[in-house]
């Protein structure tokens, strides 16, 4: 069921992207700096490309910036998870070591709880 929903979503998304691309085929000029600043500085970079390419590039750039932003924002959570994992490993080793050591004198209450006969 989830696979069908995913395929349906991707098909609708694909149709929408093709519709946007076909409706925005005219060429636009993208400039690095405004024209006045280009003439003042003596250099300028510009490129002509279809509008849908600029739209899709903006979407991809926004997604990339968002992913990087979230990766930096979640760094403290990844560090805390790593620290907790190390602590859990240390505690597991300590529990294993303590279980390996048999006490000389057994507690009667613990023996009853474990179902053994106290001596």
N, C-alpha and C. Protein backbone atom coordinates (compact mmCIF):
# COMPACT_ATOMS: atom_id res chain seq x y z
N UNK A 1 0.82 -1.19 0.00
CA UNK A 1 0.00 0.00 0.00
C UNK A 1 0.87 1.26 0.00
N UNK A 2 1.90 1.28 0.86
CA UNK A 2 2.79 2.44 0.92
C UNK A 2 3.55 2.61 -0.40
N UNK A 3 3.89 1.50 -1.03
CA UNK A 3 4.61 1.58 -2.30
C UNK A 3 3.73 2.23 -3.36
N UNK A 4 2.45 1.87 -3.37
CA UNK A 4 1.52 2.46 -4.33
C UNK A 4 1.34 3.96 -4.08
N UNK A 5 1.24 4.35 -2.80
CA UNK A 5 1.11 5.76 -2.47
C UNK A 5 2.36 6.54 -2.88
N UNK A 6 3.52 5.93 -2.66
CA UNK A 6 4.77 6.58 -3.04
C UNK A 6 4.85 6.76 -4.55
N UNK A 7 4.48 5.72 -5.30
CA UNK A 7 4.50 5.83 -6.76
C UNK A 7 3.48 6.86 -7.25
N UNK A 8 2.32 6.90 -6.62
CA UNK A 8 1.31 7.89 -6.99
C UNK A 8 1.83 9.31 -6.72
N UNK A 9 2.43 9.51 -5.56
CA UNK A 9 2.98 10.82 -5.22
C UNK A 9 4.07 11.22 -6.21
N UNK A 10 5.00 10.30 -6.52
CA UNK A 10 6.08 10.61 -7.44
C UNK A 10 5.57 10.90 -8.84
N UNK A 11 4.53 10.19 -9.28
CA UNK A 11 3.95 10.46 -10.60
C UNK A 11 3.32 11.84 -10.65
N UNK A 12 2.56 12.19 -9.61
CA UNK A 12 1.94 13.52 -9.57
C UNK A 12 3.01 14.60 -9.52
N UNK A 13 4.06 14.38 -8.74
CA UNK A 13 5.16 15.33 -8.67
C UNK A 13 5.84 15.48 -10.03
N UNK A 14 6.08 14.38 -10.70
CA UNK A 14 6.70 14.42 -12.02
C UNK A 14 5.86 15.17 -13.03
N UNK A 15 4.56 14.92 -13.02
CA UNK A 15 3.66 15.63 -13.94
C UNK A 15 3.67 17.12 -13.64
N UNK A 16 3.66 17.48 -12.35
CA UNK A 16 3.69 18.90 -11.98
C UNK A 16 4.99 19.55 -12.42
N UNK A 17 6.11 18.86 -12.28
CA UNK A 17 7.40 19.43 -12.69
C UNK A 17 7.48 19.61 -14.20
N UNK A 18 6.96 18.65 -14.95
CA UNK A 18 6.94 18.77 -16.41
C UNK A 18 6.03 19.93 -16.82
N UNK A 19 4.90 20.08 -16.14
CA UNK A 19 3.99 21.19 -16.46
C UNK A 19 4.65 22.54 -16.19
N UNK A 20 5.34 22.66 -15.06
CA UNK A 20 6.03 23.91 -14.74
C UNK A 20 7.14 24.17 -15.76
N UNK A 21 7.88 23.14 -16.13
CA UNK A 21 8.96 23.31 -17.09
C UNK A 21 8.44 23.72 -18.46
N UNK A 22 7.34 23.11 -18.90
CA UNK A 22 6.82 23.45 -20.23
C UNK A 22 6.17 24.83 -20.25
N UNK A 23 5.67 25.30 -19.12
CA UNK A 23 5.04 26.62 -19.07
C UNK A 23 6.07 27.74 -18.91
N UNK A 24 7.31 27.42 -18.53
CA UNK A 24 8.33 28.45 -18.26
C UNK A 24 9.59 28.19 -19.07
N UNK A 25 9.44 28.15 -20.40
CA UNK A 25 10.58 27.86 -21.26
C UNK A 25 11.30 29.09 -21.78
N UNK A 26 10.74 30.28 -21.54
CA UNK A 26 11.40 31.47 -22.09
C UNK A 26 12.74 31.72 -21.40
N UNK A 27 13.64 32.34 -22.16
CA UNK A 27 14.98 32.59 -21.64
C UNK A 27 14.98 33.80 -20.72
N UNK A 28 15.70 33.69 -19.63
CA UNK A 28 15.89 34.80 -18.70
C UNK A 28 17.40 34.98 -18.51
N UNK A 29 17.78 36.17 -18.12
CA UNK A 29 19.18 36.46 -17.86
C UNK A 29 19.40 36.53 -16.36
N UNK A 30 20.30 35.70 -15.89
CA UNK A 30 20.68 35.74 -14.48
C UNK A 30 22.01 36.48 -14.39
N UNK A 31 22.06 37.48 -13.52
CA UNK A 31 23.27 38.28 -13.34
C UNK A 31 23.80 38.11 -11.92
N UNK A 32 25.12 38.16 -11.82
CA UNK A 32 25.74 38.10 -10.51
C UNK A 32 25.56 39.41 -9.76
N UNK A 33 25.67 40.53 -10.47
CA UNK A 33 25.54 41.87 -9.89
C UNK A 33 24.54 42.68 -10.71
N UNK A 34 23.95 43.72 -10.14
CA UNK A 34 23.09 44.60 -10.94
C UNK A 34 23.88 45.26 -12.07
N UNK A 35 23.19 45.67 -13.15
CA UNK A 35 23.86 46.24 -14.31
C UNK A 35 24.67 47.48 -13.95
N UNK A 36 24.14 48.34 -13.08
CA UNK A 36 24.86 49.56 -12.71
C UNK A 36 26.18 49.23 -12.03
N UNK A 37 26.16 48.21 -11.16
CA UNK A 37 27.38 47.81 -10.46
C UNK A 37 28.35 47.13 -11.42
N UNK A 38 27.81 46.40 -12.40
CA UNK A 38 28.67 45.78 -13.43
C UNK A 38 29.47 46.84 -14.18
N UNK A 39 28.77 47.90 -14.61
CA UNK A 39 29.46 48.94 -15.38
C UNK A 39 30.43 49.73 -14.49
N UNK A 40 30.10 49.90 -13.22
CA UNK A 40 30.98 50.63 -12.30
C UNK A 40 32.26 49.84 -12.01
N UNK A 41 32.11 48.53 -11.76
CA UNK A 41 33.27 47.69 -11.43
C UNK A 41 34.03 47.24 -12.67
N UNK A 42 33.38 47.24 -13.82
CA UNK A 42 34.06 46.85 -15.04
C UNK A 42 34.00 45.37 -15.34
N UNK A 43 33.34 44.63 -14.55
CA UNK A 43 33.16 43.21 -14.87
C UNK A 43 31.79 42.77 -14.38
N UNK A 44 31.31 41.75 -15.00
CA UNK A 44 30.02 41.21 -14.59
C UNK A 44 29.83 39.83 -15.19
N UNK A 45 29.11 39.04 -14.50
CA UNK A 45 28.84 37.69 -14.98
C UNK A 45 27.35 37.55 -15.17
N UNK A 46 26.96 37.03 -16.31
CA UNK A 46 25.55 36.78 -16.56
C UNK A 46 25.42 35.56 -17.45
N UNK A 47 24.28 34.93 -17.36
CA UNK A 47 24.01 33.74 -18.16
C UNK A 47 22.53 33.75 -18.54
N UNK A 48 22.25 33.28 -19.75
CA UNK A 48 20.86 33.15 -20.18
C UNK A 48 20.48 31.68 -20.17
N UNK A 49 19.35 31.41 -19.55
CA UNK A 49 18.86 30.03 -19.49
C UNK A 49 17.35 30.06 -19.34
N UNK A 50 16.70 28.92 -19.61
CA UNK A 50 15.24 28.88 -19.46
C UNK A 50 14.83 29.12 -18.00
N UNK A 51 13.68 29.74 -17.84
CA UNK A 51 13.21 30.10 -16.50
C UNK A 51 13.04 28.87 -15.61
N UNK A 52 12.56 27.75 -16.18
CA UNK A 52 12.34 26.57 -15.34
C UNK A 52 13.65 26.04 -14.76
N UNK A 53 14.77 26.24 -15.47
CA UNK A 53 16.06 25.81 -14.94
C UNK A 53 16.41 26.65 -13.71
N UNK A 54 16.15 27.95 -13.79
CA UNK A 54 16.41 28.82 -12.65
C UNK A 54 15.51 28.45 -11.47
N UNK A 55 14.26 28.14 -11.75
CA UNK A 55 13.32 27.74 -10.67
C UNK A 55 13.79 26.46 -10.01
N UNK A 56 14.11 25.45 -10.82
CA UNK A 56 14.53 24.16 -10.26
C UNK A 56 15.87 24.28 -9.54
N UNK A 57 16.78 25.12 -10.07
CA UNK A 57 18.07 25.32 -9.39
C UNK A 57 17.85 26.00 -8.04
N UNK A 58 16.91 26.92 -7.98
CA UNK A 58 16.59 27.56 -6.69
C UNK A 58 16.03 26.57 -5.68
N UNK A 59 15.18 25.67 -6.16
CA UNK A 59 14.62 24.65 -5.27
C UNK A 59 15.72 23.73 -4.75
N UNK A 60 16.59 23.28 -5.64
CA UNK A 60 17.69 22.38 -5.24
C UNK A 60 18.65 23.09 -4.28
N UNK A 61 18.96 24.37 -4.57
CA UNK A 61 19.84 25.12 -3.68
C UNK A 61 19.20 25.29 -2.30
N UNK A 62 17.90 25.57 -2.26
CA UNK A 62 17.21 25.70 -0.98
C UNK A 62 17.21 24.41 -0.19
N UNK A 63 16.99 23.29 -0.87
CA UNK A 63 17.04 22.00 -0.19
C UNK A 63 18.45 21.72 0.35
N UNK A 64 19.45 22.01 -0.45
CA UNK A 64 20.83 21.79 -0.01
C UNK A 64 21.18 22.63 1.21
N UNK A 65 20.81 23.90 1.17
CA UNK A 65 21.07 24.78 2.31
C UNK A 65 20.33 24.28 3.54
N UNK A 66 19.09 23.83 3.36
CA UNK A 66 18.31 23.30 4.49
C UNK A 66 18.93 22.05 5.08
N UNK A 67 19.42 21.15 4.23
CA UNK A 67 20.05 19.93 4.73
C UNK A 67 21.31 20.25 5.52
N UNK A 68 22.13 21.16 4.99
CA UNK A 68 23.36 21.53 5.69
C UNK A 68 23.03 22.21 7.02
N UNK A 69 22.04 23.10 7.01
CA UNK A 69 21.62 23.81 8.22
C UNK A 69 21.18 22.81 9.30
N UNK A 70 20.37 21.83 8.92
CA UNK A 70 19.90 20.83 9.87
C UNK A 70 21.04 19.96 10.37
N UNK A 71 22.00 19.64 9.50
CA UNK A 71 23.13 18.82 9.92
C UNK A 71 23.92 19.54 11.00
N UNK A 72 24.15 20.85 10.81
CA UNK A 72 24.85 21.63 11.83
C UNK A 72 24.02 21.75 13.09
N UNK A 73 22.70 21.95 12.95
CA UNK A 73 21.82 22.14 14.10
C UNK A 73 21.75 20.87 14.94
N UNK A 74 21.81 19.71 14.32
CA UNK A 74 21.69 18.44 15.04
C UNK A 74 23.02 17.89 15.52
N UNK A 75 24.11 18.63 15.35
CA UNK A 75 25.43 18.15 15.76
C UNK A 75 25.47 17.86 17.26
N UNK A 76 24.82 18.71 18.06
CA UNK A 76 24.84 18.49 19.51
C UNK A 76 24.09 17.21 19.88
N UNK A 77 23.03 16.88 19.12
CA UNK A 77 22.29 15.65 19.40
C UNK A 77 23.11 14.41 19.02
N UNK A 78 23.84 14.50 17.91
CA UNK A 78 24.70 13.38 17.52
C UNK A 78 25.82 13.18 18.53
N UNK A 79 26.38 14.27 19.04
CA UNK A 79 27.45 14.16 20.04
C UNK A 79 26.91 13.54 21.33
N UNK A 80 25.71 13.96 21.75
CA UNK A 80 25.12 13.40 22.98
C UNK A 80 24.81 11.92 22.79
N UNK A 81 24.31 11.54 21.62
CA UNK A 81 24.01 10.12 21.36
C UNK A 81 25.29 9.29 21.40
N UNK A 82 26.36 9.82 20.84
CA UNK A 82 27.64 9.11 20.86
C UNK A 82 28.15 8.94 22.29
N UNK A 83 28.01 9.98 23.09
CA UNK A 83 28.44 9.91 24.48
C UNK A 83 27.60 8.90 25.25
N UNK A 84 26.30 8.89 25.03
CA UNK A 84 25.43 7.93 25.71
C UNK A 84 25.74 6.50 25.29
N UNK A 85 26.09 6.32 24.02
CA UNK A 85 26.44 4.98 23.54
C UNK A 85 27.71 4.48 24.23
N UNK A 86 28.70 5.36 24.36
CA UNK A 86 29.93 4.97 25.06
C UNK A 86 29.65 4.64 26.52
N UNK A 87 28.81 5.45 27.15
CA UNK A 87 28.47 5.22 28.56
C UNK A 87 27.72 3.90 28.72
N UNK A 88 26.80 3.60 27.81
CA UNK A 88 26.06 2.34 27.88
C UNK A 88 27.01 1.15 27.71
N UNK A 89 27.97 1.25 26.81
CA UNK A 89 28.95 0.18 26.63
C UNK A 89 29.79 -0.02 27.88
N UNK A 90 30.19 1.09 28.49
CA UNK A 90 30.97 0.99 29.73
C UNK A 90 30.17 0.33 30.84
N UNK A 91 28.89 0.70 30.96
CA UNK A 91 28.05 0.11 32.00
C UNK A 91 27.77 -1.37 31.73
N UNK A 92 27.62 -1.75 30.47
CA UNK A 92 27.42 -3.17 30.14
C UNK A 92 28.65 -3.99 30.51
N UNK A 93 29.83 -3.44 30.24
CA UNK A 93 31.06 -4.15 30.62
C UNK A 93 31.16 -4.29 32.13
N UNK A 94 30.77 -3.25 32.85
CA UNK A 94 30.81 -3.30 34.31
C UNK A 94 29.82 -4.33 34.85
N UNK A 95 28.63 -4.39 34.28
CA UNK A 95 27.64 -5.38 34.72
C UNK A 95 28.15 -6.79 34.44
N UNK A 96 28.75 -7.01 33.27
CA UNK A 96 29.30 -8.33 32.95
C UNK A 96 30.40 -8.72 33.93
N UNK A 97 31.24 -7.74 34.27
CA UNK A 97 32.32 -8.02 35.23
C UNK A 97 31.74 -8.36 36.60
N UNK A 98 30.73 -7.62 37.03
CA UNK A 98 30.13 -7.88 38.35
C UNK A 98 29.39 -9.22 38.38
N UNK A 99 28.77 -9.59 37.27
CA UNK A 99 28.09 -10.89 37.22
C UNK A 99 29.09 -12.03 37.27
N UNK A 100 30.28 -11.79 36.71
CA UNK A 100 31.30 -12.85 36.69
C UNK A 100 31.86 -13.09 38.09
N UNK A 101 31.87 -12.06 38.91
CA UNK A 101 32.36 -12.21 40.28
C UNK A 101 31.24 -12.82 41.12
N UNK A 102 31.47 -13.97 41.67
CA UNK A 102 30.47 -14.61 42.53
C UNK A 102 30.68 -14.16 43.96
N UNK A 103 29.64 -13.75 44.63
CA UNK A 103 29.81 -13.33 46.03
C UNK A 103 30.08 -14.56 46.90
N UNK A 104 30.91 -14.37 47.93
CA UNK A 104 31.25 -15.46 48.86
C UNK A 104 30.03 -15.86 49.67
N UNK A 105 29.31 -14.90 50.17
CA UNK A 105 28.14 -15.15 51.01
C UNK A 105 26.92 -14.67 50.24
N UNK A 106 25.96 -15.58 50.05
CA UNK A 106 24.76 -15.19 49.32
C UNK A 106 23.73 -14.64 50.28
N UNK A 107 23.01 -13.70 49.82
CA UNK A 107 21.93 -13.10 50.60
C UNK A 107 20.71 -14.02 50.47
N UNK A 108 20.05 -14.33 51.59
CA UNK A 108 18.89 -15.22 51.58
C UNK A 108 17.75 -14.65 50.75
N UNK A 109 17.53 -13.37 50.83
CA UNK A 109 16.44 -12.75 50.08
C UNK A 109 16.70 -12.86 48.58
N UNK A 110 17.93 -12.59 48.15
CA UNK A 110 18.26 -12.70 46.74
C UNK A 110 18.14 -14.14 46.27
N UNK A 111 18.54 -15.07 47.11
CA UNK A 111 18.43 -16.49 46.74
C UNK A 111 16.98 -16.87 46.58
N UNK A 112 16.10 -16.39 47.45
CA UNK A 112 14.67 -16.69 47.31
C UNK A 112 14.09 -16.05 46.03
N UNK A 113 14.52 -14.85 45.73
CA UNK A 113 14.03 -14.18 44.54
C UNK A 113 14.48 -14.89 43.27
N UNK A 114 15.68 -15.42 43.29
CA UNK A 114 16.19 -16.14 42.13
C UNK A 114 15.69 -17.57 42.07
N UNK A 115 15.01 -18.03 43.09
CA UNK A 115 14.44 -19.38 43.10
C UNK A 115 15.41 -20.45 43.52
N UNK A 116 16.48 -20.07 44.18
CA UNK A 116 17.44 -21.06 44.64
C UNK A 116 17.26 -21.27 46.14
N UNK A 117 17.75 -22.34 46.58
CA UNK A 117 17.70 -22.65 48.01
C UNK A 117 18.94 -22.06 48.67
N UNK A 118 18.72 -21.23 49.69
CA UNK A 118 19.85 -20.63 50.40
C UNK A 118 20.47 -21.67 51.31
N UNK A 119 21.79 -21.60 51.43
CA UNK A 119 22.51 -22.60 52.21
C UNK A 119 22.81 -22.11 53.51
